[in-house]
Amino acid sequence: MSDSDAPGGRESPGIRTDPDADADAEVQTDADPDREFAHTRSPSSTAEAEAEAEAEAEIDIDFAKVFQALPSPVMLLAPDLTILGANRAYVQISGRGLDELVGRFIFDVFPDSPTEEASGARTLRTSLERLLATGERDTMALQKYDVEVPDRPGVFEERYWSTVNIPVLDADGRVSLIAHRVEEVTALVRAREAADRTPGTQHASLTTLSHEDAMTADLLTRSQELQELNEELRKAHARTHEVAVTLQRAMLPGTALPRHDFAAVRYQPAASFLNVCGDWYDLIDLDEDRLAAAVGDVVGHGLEAAGVMGQLRSALSAAIRATGRPADALTTLAQHAHTVEGALATTAVQAVIDRAAHTVTYSCAGHPPPLLAHPDGTVELLDTATDPPLAASDDTIPRTQATVSYTPGATLVLYTDGLIERRTEDIDQGLHRLTASLKHHHTLPPEPLADAILTDLVPAPRRGPDDDTALVVIRL
């Protein structure tokens, strides 16, 4: 173990610990507490930020003391599950000093007991990994998590806990810190178990507890029953998610395009099952000089969206082959969409690249505009020919299309809104990020360029896209 990994030898961002302090040692912060917690605030406007700054100037808050004063035991974890700090309540309930906690991997400090049925560490790890993947709070059901008795290696004490794991996100939506809050409920569980083991004395046993504690004990018993059901539901959702993604990938063209070494395609499923499987992409050789490229996004989700996506992708593929014109193909697709349940408000963009004429002809049906990066690094937004989404208007009216010229070596990028949309910001911000990324990396070949764009717009270890994402990069 290196010095930086040794207990008390690691300093976390904004949190400094003193392993030589006594049992009441506090997690200290740097001189400016506002700076330490600035990343947790996201004011929606300059006016709000100024008002917040004025309020903080009037009220000098020592957040380290607030943390220490919390009555609930709280431990702070890094994304790699290394312990960064703990408040007094946690130090007291764990029976371990800060020097035994800070800088160590949580499951090295709190391993599972060697009994076969022990599952506390495994269940907690699952919760923490779920939080890191989703960026969302994870409330655990009542857990039996035996704890090794201090100064008695290999001797474990039966303990029960009610746990909530809370993420702290940075400006990019990544988990920068985990607040692991616990409440010990061992006494309540034992009182309830004692009552259940003694027929006819349950009422008498529970009356030794307060009314509130008796109700809590009963609820904790029920939570144990619900925990198994909750885990089964999660497994079922995971299986359904896997089936939906597998179906989606099966209906998309292969990502390996040996005949199209000038193109790269990417598909990333959403982190959430509720948004997965509505996106598609397509690349079709119309003749020796012309290539058709399309992306689309079905509004629905799950297996239903995957089925609708397959029908619309096939229909658009046939339409562009028959007409050769993006506007005509989307007009035909819009009319067909009225006959497909779940196709309402689907968006799509169809482009035809003419390599002999050095032109790109495109038409958008309510879809984010393609980007054309010229060899000099200038990025052009192709937003001239934009019409409503499919089945959302009078689809007997012909759709529009536009044609732009390009210089060989330019790059065309088509994508779905999962690449640029974020829940907390305007879509123009995401479009600006994509434009900046393409301008910065436009000289890269298609494959590394596609990877660079995804890295810039969905940086690891971000919790994953809120929506599934399709991306097509074509060197012209």
Protein backbone atom coordinates (compact mmCIF):
# COMPACT_ATOMS: atom_id res chain seq x y z
CA MET A 1 0.00 0.00 0.00
CA SER A 2 1.47 3.39 -0.97
CA ASP A 3 1.61 6.36 1.38
CA SER A 4 -1.24 7.99 -0.50
CA ASP A 5 -3.39 4.92 0.09
CA ALA A 6 -2.57 4.50 3.74
CA PRO A 7 -5.26 5.37 6.30
CA GLY A 8 -5.30 9.12 6.80
CA GLY A 9 -2.77 9.60 4.02
CA ARG A 10 -5.20 10.69 1.33
CA GLU A 11 -6.74 14.12 1.04
CA SER A 12 -10.00 14.35 -0.84
CA PRO A 13 -11.01 17.35 -2.92
CA GLY A 14 -12.22 20.00 -0.49
CA ILE A 15 -12.06 17.68 2.53
CA ARG A 16 -9.05 17.46 4.80
CA THR A 17 -8.77 14.98 7.67
CA ASP A 18 -6.44 14.82 10.65
CA PRO A 19 -5.77 11.20 11.68
CA ASP A 20 -4.11 12.37 14.92
CA ALA A 21 -7.29 14.00 16.20
CA ASP A 22 -9.41 12.38 18.92
CA ALA A 23 -12.68 10.47 18.44
CA ASP A 24 -14.52 13.74 17.92
CA ALA A 25 -12.24 14.72 15.06
CA GLU A 26 -13.98 16.78 12.42
CA VAL A 27 -13.82 16.73 8.65
CA GLN A 28 -12.26 20.08 7.91
CA THR A 29 -12.64 22.28 4.86
CA ASP A 30 -10.36 24.86 3.31
CA ALA A 31 -10.62 28.49 4.33
CA ASP A 32 -13.36 29.33 1.87
CA PRO A 33 -16.38 27.04 2.45
CA ASP A 34 -18.26 28.64 -0.42
CA ARG A 35 -15.65 27.43 -2.87
CA GLU A 36 -15.78 23.89 -1.51
CA PHE A 37 -19.48 23.52 -2.07
CA ALA A 38 -19.82 25.67 -5.18
CA HIS A 39 -20.03 22.61 -7.43
CA THR A 40 -23.21 21.50 -5.70
CA ARG A 41 -25.10 24.61 -6.75
CA SER A 42 -26.45 25.27 -10.23
CA PRO A 43 -28.32 28.63 -10.28
CA SER A 44 -30.52 28.90 -13.35
CA SER A 45 -29.68 32.54 -14.05
CA THR A 46 -27.15 35.28 -13.35
CA ALA A 47 -29.69 37.10 -11.18
CA GLU A 48 -30.18 34.03 -9.02
CA ALA A 49 -26.43 33.59 -8.71
CA GLU A 50 -25.99 37.20 -7.59
CA ALA A 51 -28.84 36.89 -5.08
CA GLU A 52 -27.33 33.70 -3.74
CA ALA A 53 -23.92 35.33 -3.41
CA GLU A 54 -25.43 38.24 -1.48
CA ALA A 55 -27.25 35.87 0.86
CA GLU A 56 -24.09 33.91 1.52
CA ALA A 57 -22.17 37.11 2.18
CA GLU A 58 -24.65 37.93 4.96
CA ILE A 59 -24.68 34.40 6.43
CA ASP A 60 -21.27 32.85 7.00
CA ILE A 61 -21.95 29.10 7.09
CA ASP A 62 -19.31 26.67 8.29
CA PHE A 63 -20.36 23.60 6.35
CA ALA A 64 -17.81 21.39 8.10
CA LYS A 65 -19.47 22.10 11.43
CA VAL A 66 -22.91 21.51 9.91
CA PHE A 67 -21.71 18.14 8.63
CA GLN A 68 -20.35 17.19 12.03
CA ALA A 69 -23.55 18.30 13.79
CA LEU A 70 -25.82 16.06 11.71
CA PRO A 71 -27.55 13.56 14.02
CA SER A 72 -27.59 10.87 11.32
CA PRO A 73 -24.37 8.94 10.71
CA VAL A 74 -22.94 9.95 7.31
CA MET A 75 -19.82 8.71 5.55
CA LEU A 76 -18.46 10.32 2.36
CA LEU A 77 -17.20 8.11 -0.46
CA ALA A 78 -15.28 8.82 -3.65
CA PRO A 79 -16.59 7.28 -6.93
CA ASP A 80 -13.98 4.51 -6.50
CA LEU A 81 -15.64 3.76 -3.11
CA THR A 82 -12.68 5.03 -1.12
CA ILE A 83 -13.69 6.62 2.21
CA LEU A 84 -13.12 10.39 2.20
CA GLY A 85 -14.55 11.33 5.60
CA ALA A 86 -17.24 10.75 8.21
CA ASN A 87 -19.13 12.80 10.78
CA ARG A 88 -19.10 12.28 14.56
CA ALA A 89 -22.28 10.22 14.51
CA TYR A 90 -20.77 7.78 12.00
CA VAL A 91 -17.48 7.52 13.89
CA GLN A 92 -19.42 6.71 17.05
CA ILE A 93 -21.77 4.12 15.54
CA SER A 94 -19.03 2.36 13.55
CA GLY A 95 -16.66 2.13 16.51
CA ARG A 96 -13.78 3.25 14.29
CA GLY A 97 -11.78 6.46 14.27
CA LEU A 98 -11.17 8.57 11.21
CA ASP A 99 -7.64 7.19 10.96
CA GLU A 100 -9.16 3.72 10.50
CA LEU A 101 -11.59 4.94 7.83
CA VAL A 102 -10.17 7.69 5.62
CA GLY A 103 -8.28 6.64 2.51
CA ARG A 104 -9.41 3.01 2.66
CA PHE A 105 -11.73 1.03 0.40
CA ILE A 106 -15.09 0.73 2.16
CA PHE A 107 -15.29 -3.06 1.86
CA ASP A 108 -11.78 -3.46 3.27
CA VAL A 109 -12.99 -1.67 6.39
CA PHE A 110 -16.38 -3.38 6.47
CA PRO A 111 -16.04 -6.86 4.91
CA ASP A 112 -18.81 -9.43 4.92
CA SER A 113 -18.78 -11.96 7.72
CA PRO A 114 -17.48 -15.39 6.65
CA THR A 115 -20.88 -17.08 7.08
CA GLU A 116 -22.45 -18.51 3.93
CA GLU A 117 -25.64 -16.45 4.16
CA ALA A 118 -23.83 -13.12 4.59
CA SER A 119 -24.80 -10.71 1.80
CA GLY A 120 -24.54 -7.23 3.36
CA ALA A 121 -21.42 -6.14 1.48
CA ARG A 122 -22.67 -7.57 -1.82
CA THR A 123 -26.04 -5.82 -1.50
CA LEU A 124 -24.43 -2.50 -0.55
CA ARG A 125 -21.99 -2.73 -3.45
CA THR A 126 -24.92 -3.31 -5.82
CA SER A 127 -26.63 -0.18 -4.49
CA LEU A 128 -23.50 1.95 -4.86
CA GLU A 129 -22.81 0.67 -8.38
CA ARG A 130 -26.42 1.41 -9.33
CA LEU A 131 -26.00 4.97 -8.03
CA LEU A 132 -22.79 5.44 -10.03
CA ALA A 133 -24.49 4.13 -13.18
CA THR A 134 -27.65 6.24 -12.88
CA GLY A 135 -26.52 9.28 -10.88
CA GLU A 136 -29.65 8.91 -8.76
CA ARG A 137 -30.28 8.39 -5.04
CA ASP A 138 -30.63 4.76 -4.00
CA THR A 139 -32.66 3.89 -0.90
CA MET A 140 -31.97 0.39 0.36
CA ALA A 141 -34.37 -1.87 2.16
CA LEU A 142 -33.50 -3.02 5.68
CA GLN A 143 -30.14 -4.79 5.54
CA LYS A 144 -28.48 -7.34 7.83
CA TYR A 145 -24.85 -6.31 7.63
CA ASP A 146 -22.71 -7.85 10.37
CA VAL A 147 -19.76 -5.71 11.46
CA GLU A 148 -16.39 -6.94 12.65
CA VAL A 149 -15.89 -6.09 16.33
CA PRO A 150 -13.08 -3.54 16.76
CA ASP A 151 -9.85 -5.09 18.09
CA ARG A 152 -11.30 -8.61 17.64
CA PRO A 153 -10.35 -9.73 14.11
CA GLY A 154 -12.69 -12.37 12.68
CA VAL A 155 -15.42 -11.77 15.28
CA PHE A 156 -18.58 -10.30 13.75
CA GLU A 157 -21.55 -8.75 15.53
CA GLU A 158 -25.06 -9.05 14.10
CA ARG A 159 -26.23 -5.55 13.04
CA TYR A 160 -29.19 -4.23 11.02
CA TRP A 161 -29.20 -0.98 9.04
CA SER A 162 -31.49 1.34 7.11
CA THR A 163 -29.36 2.94 4.38
CA VAL A 164 -29.66 5.73 1.82
CA ASN A 165 -26.91 6.44 -0.72
CA ILE A 166 -27.02 9.98 -2.09
CA PRO A 167 -25.01 11.22 -5.12
CA VAL A 168 -23.37 14.63 -5.41
CA LEU A 169 -23.04 15.52 -9.11
CA ASP A 170 -20.52 17.82 -10.74
CA ALA A 171 -21.30 20.33 -13.50
CA ASP A 172 -21.13 17.58 -16.15
CA GLY A 173 -23.63 15.37 -14.32
CA ARG A 174 -20.98 12.94 -13.10
CA VAL A 175 -20.98 11.52 -9.59
CA SER A 176 -18.17 13.31 -7.73
CA LEU A 177 -19.12 12.25 -4.21
CA ILE A 178 -21.41 9.76 -2.44
CA ALA A 179 -23.06 10.53 0.88
CA HIS A 180 -23.64 7.16 2.55
CA ARG A 181 -26.21 7.73 5.34
CA VAL A 182 -27.12 4.93 7.75
CA GLU A 183 -29.47 4.45 10.68
CA GLU A 184 -28.94 1.44 12.92
CA VAL A 185 -32.14 -0.49 13.66
CA THR A 186 -30.66 -3.56 15.34
CA ALA A 187 -32.55 -3.04 18.62
CA LEU A 188 -35.89 -2.76 16.84
CA VAL A 189 -35.29 -5.86 14.75
CA ARG A 190 -34.30 -7.90 17.78
CA ALA A 191 -37.37 -6.73 19.71
CA ARG A 192 -39.60 -7.75 16.83
CA GLU A 193 -37.88 -11.12 16.46
CA ALA A 194 -38.21 -11.77 20.20
CA ALA A 195 -41.95 -11.06 20.01
CA ASP A 196 -42.37 -13.39 17.03
CA ARG A 197 -40.51 -16.23 18.80
CA THR A 198 -42.80 -16.09 21.86
CA PRO A 199 -46.41 -17.01 20.99
CA GLY A 200 -48.98 -15.08 22.95
CA THR A 201 -46.51 -12.53 24.25
CA GLN A 202 -46.13 -10.39 21.14
CA HIS A 203 -48.26 -7.59 22.56
CA ALA A 204 -46.39 -7.58 25.83
CA SER A 205 -43.01 -7.57 24.10
CA LEU A 206 -43.90 -4.74 21.80
CA THR A 207 -45.28 -2.64 24.62
CA THR A 208 -41.73 -2.39 25.93
CA LEU A 209 -41.17 -0.19 22.87
CA SER A 210 -42.76 3.17 22.27
CA HIS A 211 -45.74 3.24 19.92
CA GLU A 212 -43.57 4.80 17.21
CA ASP A 213 -40.83 2.20 17.65
CA ALA A 214 -43.36 -0.63 17.52
CA MET A 215 -44.70 0.73 14.23
CA THR A 216 -41.16 1.10 12.93
CA ALA A 217 -40.32 -2.49 13.85
CA ASP A 218 -43.40 -3.71 12.00
CA LEU A 219 -42.52 -1.63 8.93
CA LEU A 220 -38.97 -2.95 8.95
CA THR A 221 -40.30 -6.49 8.97
CA ARG A 222 -42.45 -5.66 5.96
CA SER A 223 -39.47 -4.08 4.20
CA GLN A 224 -37.61 -7.39 4.42
CA GLU A 225 -40.48 -9.02 2.56
CA LEU A 226 -40.52 -6.26 -0.06
CA GLN A 227 -36.79 -6.39 -0.62
CA GLU A 228 -36.89 -9.73 -2.43
CA LEU A 229 -39.76 -8.52 -4.63
CA ASN A 230 -37.87 -5.33 -5.42
CA GLU A 231 -34.78 -7.26 -6.49
CA GLU A 232 -36.87 -9.55 -8.68
CA LEU A 233 -38.43 -6.50 -10.37
CA ARG A 234 -34.99 -5.01 -11.01
CA LYS A 235 -33.82 -8.26 -12.56
CA ALA A 236 -36.96 -8.40 -14.71
CA HIS A 237 -36.40 -4.82 -15.91
CA ALA A 238 -32.77 -5.63 -16.68
CA ARG A 239 -33.82 -8.67 -18.72
CA THR A 240 -36.42 -6.64 -20.62
CA HIS A 241 -33.85 -3.91 -21.25
CA GLU A 242 -31.39 -6.49 -22.60
CA VAL A 243 -34.03 -7.98 -24.91
CA ALA A 244 -35.03 -4.54 -26.20
CA VAL A 245 -31.42 -3.52 -26.90
CA THR A 246 -30.72 -6.87 -28.59
CA LEU A 247 -33.77 -6.42 -30.83
CA GLN A 248 -32.73 -2.85 -31.60
CA ARG A 249 -29.23 -3.86 -32.62
CA ALA A 250 -30.55 -6.76 -34.70
CA MET A 251 -32.68 -4.38 -36.79
CA LEU A 252 -29.89 -1.85 -37.38
CA PRO A 253 -27.19 -2.22 -40.04
CA GLY A 254 -23.98 -3.71 -38.76
CA THR A 255 -21.59 -1.21 -37.21
CA ALA A 256 -18.73 -2.75 -39.21
CA LEU A 257 -18.92 -1.25 -42.68
CA PRO A 258 -16.09 -2.73 -44.81
CA ARG A 259 -17.41 -1.10 -47.98
CA HIS A 260 -17.78 2.24 -46.23
CA ASP A 261 -14.40 2.93 -44.64
CA PHE A 262 -15.24 6.62 -45.03
CA ALA A 263 -18.14 6.29 -42.55
CA ALA A 264 -18.51 5.47 -38.86
CA VAL A 265 -21.73 4.72 -36.97
CA ARG A 266 -22.45 4.47 -33.26
CA TYR A 267 -25.47 3.41 -31.23
CA GLN A 268 -25.59 3.85 -27.44
CA PRO A 269 -28.62 2.61 -25.46
CA ALA A 270 -30.04 4.92 -22.82
CA ALA A 271 -29.05 4.43 -19.19
CA SER A 272 -32.75 4.24 -18.37
CA PHE A 273 -34.95 1.44 -19.68
CA LEU A 274 -37.79 3.95 -20.11
CA ASN A 275 -35.98 5.72 -22.98
CA VAL A 276 -34.23 2.91 -24.79
CA CYS A 277 -34.72 1.62 -28.33
CA GLY A 278 -36.33 4.40 -30.38
CA ASP A 279 -33.35 5.50 -32.50
CA TRP A 280 -32.13 4.21 -35.84
CA TYR A 281 -29.57 4.96 -38.54
CA ASP A 282 -29.12 3.76 -42.12
CA LEU A 283 -26.55 3.92 -44.92
CA ILE A 284 -27.52 2.88 -48.46
CA ASP A 285 -25.62 2.94 -51.76
CA LEU A 286 -28.10 4.31 -54.31
CA ASP A 287 -25.59 4.00 -57.17
CA GLU A 288 -21.86 4.39 -57.75
CA ASP A 289 -21.89 8.10 -56.95
CA ARG A 290 -24.75 8.54 -54.49
CA LEU A 291 -24.98 7.48 -50.84
CA ALA A 292 -28.14 7.86 -48.75
CA ALA A 293 -27.74 8.40 -45.00
CA ALA A 294 -30.54 8.69 -42.45
CA VAL A 295 -31.17 8.80 -38.72
CA GLY A 296 -34.49 8.80 -36.88
CA ASP A 297 -36.02 8.77 -33.42
CA VAL A 298 -39.29 7.14 -32.32
CA VAL A 299 -41.01 8.86 -29.39
CA GLY A 300 -41.98 5.62 -27.61
CA HIS A 301 -39.75 3.37 -25.55
CA GLY A 302 -38.88 -0.24 -24.89
CA LEU A 303 -39.89 -3.15 -27.09
CA GLU A 304 -42.78 -1.22 -28.62
CA ALA A 305 -40.46 1.55 -29.81
CA ALA A 306 -38.02 -1.01 -31.20
CA GLY A 307 -40.82 -2.54 -33.27
CA VAL A 308 -42.00 0.84 -34.60
CA MET A 309 -38.41 1.81 -35.34
CA GLY A 310 -37.92 -1.33 -37.43
CA GLN A 311 -41.02 -0.64 -39.53
CA LEU A 312 -40.17 3.02 -40.17
CA ARG A 313 -36.53 2.36 -40.95
CA SER A 314 -37.49 -0.27 -43.53
CA ALA A 315 -40.12 2.01 -45.05
CA LEU A 316 -37.72 4.96 -45.36
CA SER A 317 -35.07 2.70 -46.85
CA ALA A 318 -37.52 1.55 -49.53
CA ALA A 319 -38.75 5.11 -50.15
CA ILE A 320 -35.31 6.62 -50.70
CA ARG A 321 -34.34 3.77 -53.01
CA ALA A 322 -37.49 4.36 -55.05
CA THR A 323 -37.40 8.16 -55.20
CA GLY A 324 -33.78 9.14 -54.68
CA ARG A 325 -35.02 12.43 -53.22
CA PRO A 326 -34.98 13.07 -49.45
CA ALA A 327 -38.13 15.23 -49.45
CA ASP A 328 -40.13 12.67 -51.44
CA ALA A 329 -38.89 9.82 -49.24
CA LEU A 330 -39.93 11.63 -46.04
CA THR A 331 -43.29 12.60 -47.54
CA THR A 332 -43.94 8.93 -48.30
CA LEU A 333 -42.75 7.90 -44.84
CA ALA A 334 -45.00 10.49 -43.17
CA GLN A 335 -48.03 9.13 -44.99
CA HIS A 336 -47.06 5.59 -44.02
CA ALA A 337 -46.59 6.63 -40.38
CA HIS A 338 -50.36 7.20 -40.06
CA THR A 339 -50.83 3.45 -40.45
CA VAL A 340 -48.22 2.51 -37.81
CA GLU A 341 -49.38 2.67 -34.21
CA GLY A 342 -46.82 4.49 -32.09
CA ALA A 343 -45.25 6.37 -35.01
CA LEU A 344 -46.81 9.76 -34.17
CA ALA A 345 -44.24 12.56 -33.77
CA THR A 346 -41.30 10.43 -34.92
CA THR A 347 -38.45 12.61 -36.16
CA ALA A 348 -36.03 11.78 -38.97
CA VAL A 349 -33.48 13.30 -41.31
CA GLN A 350 -32.66 11.91 -44.74
CA ALA A 351 -29.61 12.99 -46.73
CA VAL A 352 -28.29 12.03 -50.16
CA ILE A 353 -24.59 12.58 -50.86
CA ASP A 354 -23.61 12.99 -54.53
CA ARG A 355 -19.86 12.42 -54.72
CA ALA A 356 -19.69 13.33 -58.41
CA ALA A 357 -21.42 16.69 -57.94
CA HIS A 358 -19.95 17.27 -54.45
CA THR A 359 -23.35 18.07 -52.95
CA VAL A 360 -25.45 17.04 -49.96
CA THR A 361 -29.22 17.15 -50.37
CA TYR A 362 -31.21 16.80 -47.17
CA SER A 363 -34.65 17.04 -45.59
CA CYS A 364 -35.53 17.07 -41.88
CA ALA A 365 -38.80 15.95 -40.29
CA GLY A 366 -38.68 17.71 -36.93
CA HIS A 367 -35.16 16.38 -36.36
CA PRO A 368 -32.03 18.16 -35.06
CA PRO A 369 -30.08 19.57 -38.02
CA PRO A 370 -27.09 17.75 -39.54
CA LEU A 371 -23.68 19.41 -39.30
CA LEU A 372 -21.26 19.88 -42.19
CA ALA A 373 -17.64 20.48 -41.20
CA HIS A 374 -15.62 21.98 -44.05
CA PRO A 375 -11.89 21.17 -44.44
CA ASP A 376 -10.92 24.59 -43.01
CA GLY A 377 -12.75 23.76 -39.74
CA THR A 378 -15.84 25.87 -40.42
CA VAL A 379 -18.97 24.05 -39.25
CA GLU A 380 -22.24 24.66 -41.11
CA LEU A 381 -25.64 23.95 -39.60
CA LEU A 382 -27.95 22.34 -42.18
CA ASP A 383 -31.27 23.74 -40.94
CA THR A 384 -32.84 25.23 -44.09
CA ALA A 385 -35.15 22.31 -44.98
CA THR A 386 -37.02 21.50 -41.78
CA ASP A 387 -40.64 20.33 -41.58
CA PRO A 388 -42.86 18.91 -38.77
CA PRO A 389 -42.33 15.39 -37.37
CA LEU A 390 -44.04 12.41 -38.98
CA ALA A 391 -47.85 12.19 -38.75
CA ALA A 392 -47.95 15.53 -36.90
CA SER A 393 -49.31 17.68 -39.75
CA ASP A 394 -51.01 17.52 -43.15
CA ASP A 395 -48.79 14.95 -44.81
CA THR A 396 -50.34 15.46 -48.24
CA ILE A 397 -48.24 18.64 -48.46
CA PRO A 398 -44.85 17.88 -50.04
CA ARG A 399 -41.87 18.30 -47.74
CA THR A 400 -38.94 20.59 -48.46
CA GLN A 401 -35.32 19.78 -49.19
CA ALA A 402 -32.13 21.78 -49.63
CA THR A 403 -28.81 21.21 -51.33
CA VAL A 404 -25.40 22.41 -50.17
CA SER A 405 -22.01 22.05 -51.84
CA TYR A 406 -18.91 20.70 -50.16
CA THR A 407 -15.19 20.44 -50.78
CA PRO A 408 -13.72 16.91 -50.71
CA GLY A 409 -12.43 16.21 -47.21
CA ALA A 410 -15.47 17.74 -45.52
CA THR A 411 -17.37 15.76 -42.88
CA LEU A 412 -21.12 15.23 -42.53
CA VAL A 413 -22.53 14.37 -39.08
CA LEU A 414 -26.06 13.09 -38.46
CA TYR A 415 -27.27 12.24 -34.95
CA THR A 416 -30.30 11.85 -32.70
CA ASP A 417 -31.24 14.22 -29.89
CA GLY A 418 -29.90 11.90 -27.17
CA LEU A 419 -26.45 13.20 -28.10
CA ILE A 420 -27.20 16.85 -27.36
CA GLU A 421 -30.20 16.97 -25.00
CA ARG A 422 -29.81 17.27 -21.23
CA ARG A 423 -32.66 17.59 -18.75
CA THR A 424 -31.28 20.69 -17.07
CA GLU A 425 -30.37 22.82 -20.09
CA ASP A 426 -31.58 24.24 -23.39
CA ILE A 427 -30.93 22.05 -26.42
CA ASP A 428 -28.95 24.89 -28.03
CA GLN A 429 -26.24 24.35 -25.42
CA GLY A 430 -25.85 20.74 -26.50
CA LEU A 431 -25.81 21.77 -30.15
CA HIS A 432 -23.08 24.28 -29.35
CA ARG A 433 -21.03 21.54 -27.62
CA LEU A 434 -21.39 19.27 -30.65
CA THR A 435 -20.36 22.07 -33.01
CA ALA A 436 -17.29 22.87 -30.90
CA SER A 437 -16.31 19.19 -30.70
CA LEU A 438 -16.62 18.72 -34.46
CA LYS A 439 -14.64 21.88 -35.14
CA HIS A 440 -11.88 20.71 -32.80
CA HIS A 441 -11.65 17.12 -34.09
CA HIS A 442 -12.74 17.48 -37.74
CA THR A 443 -9.36 16.35 -39.14
CA LEU A 444 -9.62 12.92 -37.49
CA PRO A 445 -10.68 9.89 -39.58
CA PRO A 446 -14.36 8.89 -39.14
CA GLU A 447 -13.90 6.15 -36.52
CA PRO A 448 -11.77 8.15 -34.03
CA LEU A 449 -13.86 11.24 -34.79
CA ALA A 450 -17.05 9.42 -33.75
CA ASP A 451 -15.34 8.30 -30.53
CA ALA A 452 -14.07 11.81 -29.82
CA ILE A 453 -17.54 13.32 -30.26
CA LEU A 454 -19.08 10.80 -27.87
CA THR A 455 -16.32 11.40 -25.34
CA ASP A 456 -16.84 15.17 -25.48
CA LEU A 457 -20.61 15.05 -25.23
CA VAL A 458 -21.04 12.07 -22.89
CA PRO A 459 -17.84 12.13 -20.79
CA ALA A 460 -17.01 9.05 -18.72
CA PRO A 461 -17.80 8.15 -16.02
CA ARG A 462 -20.99 10.06 -16.56
CA ARG A 463 -24.05 8.05 -15.65
CA GLY A 464 -24.90 7.54 -19.33
CA PRO A 465 -27.18 9.26 -21.80
CA ASP A 466 -30.73 10.14 -20.70
CA ASP A 467 -31.93 8.94 -24.13
CA ASP A 468 -30.53 6.44 -26.59
CA THR A 469 -28.15 7.94 -29.14
CA ALA A 470 -27.40 7.25 -32.79
CA LEU A 471 -24.46 8.92 -34.54
CA VAL A 472 -23.32 8.78 -38.19
CA VAL A 473 -20.03 10.37 -39.32
CA ILE A 474 -19.22 10.48 -43.05
CA ARG A 475 -16.02 11.79 -44.66
CA LEU A 476 -17.05 13.33 -47.98
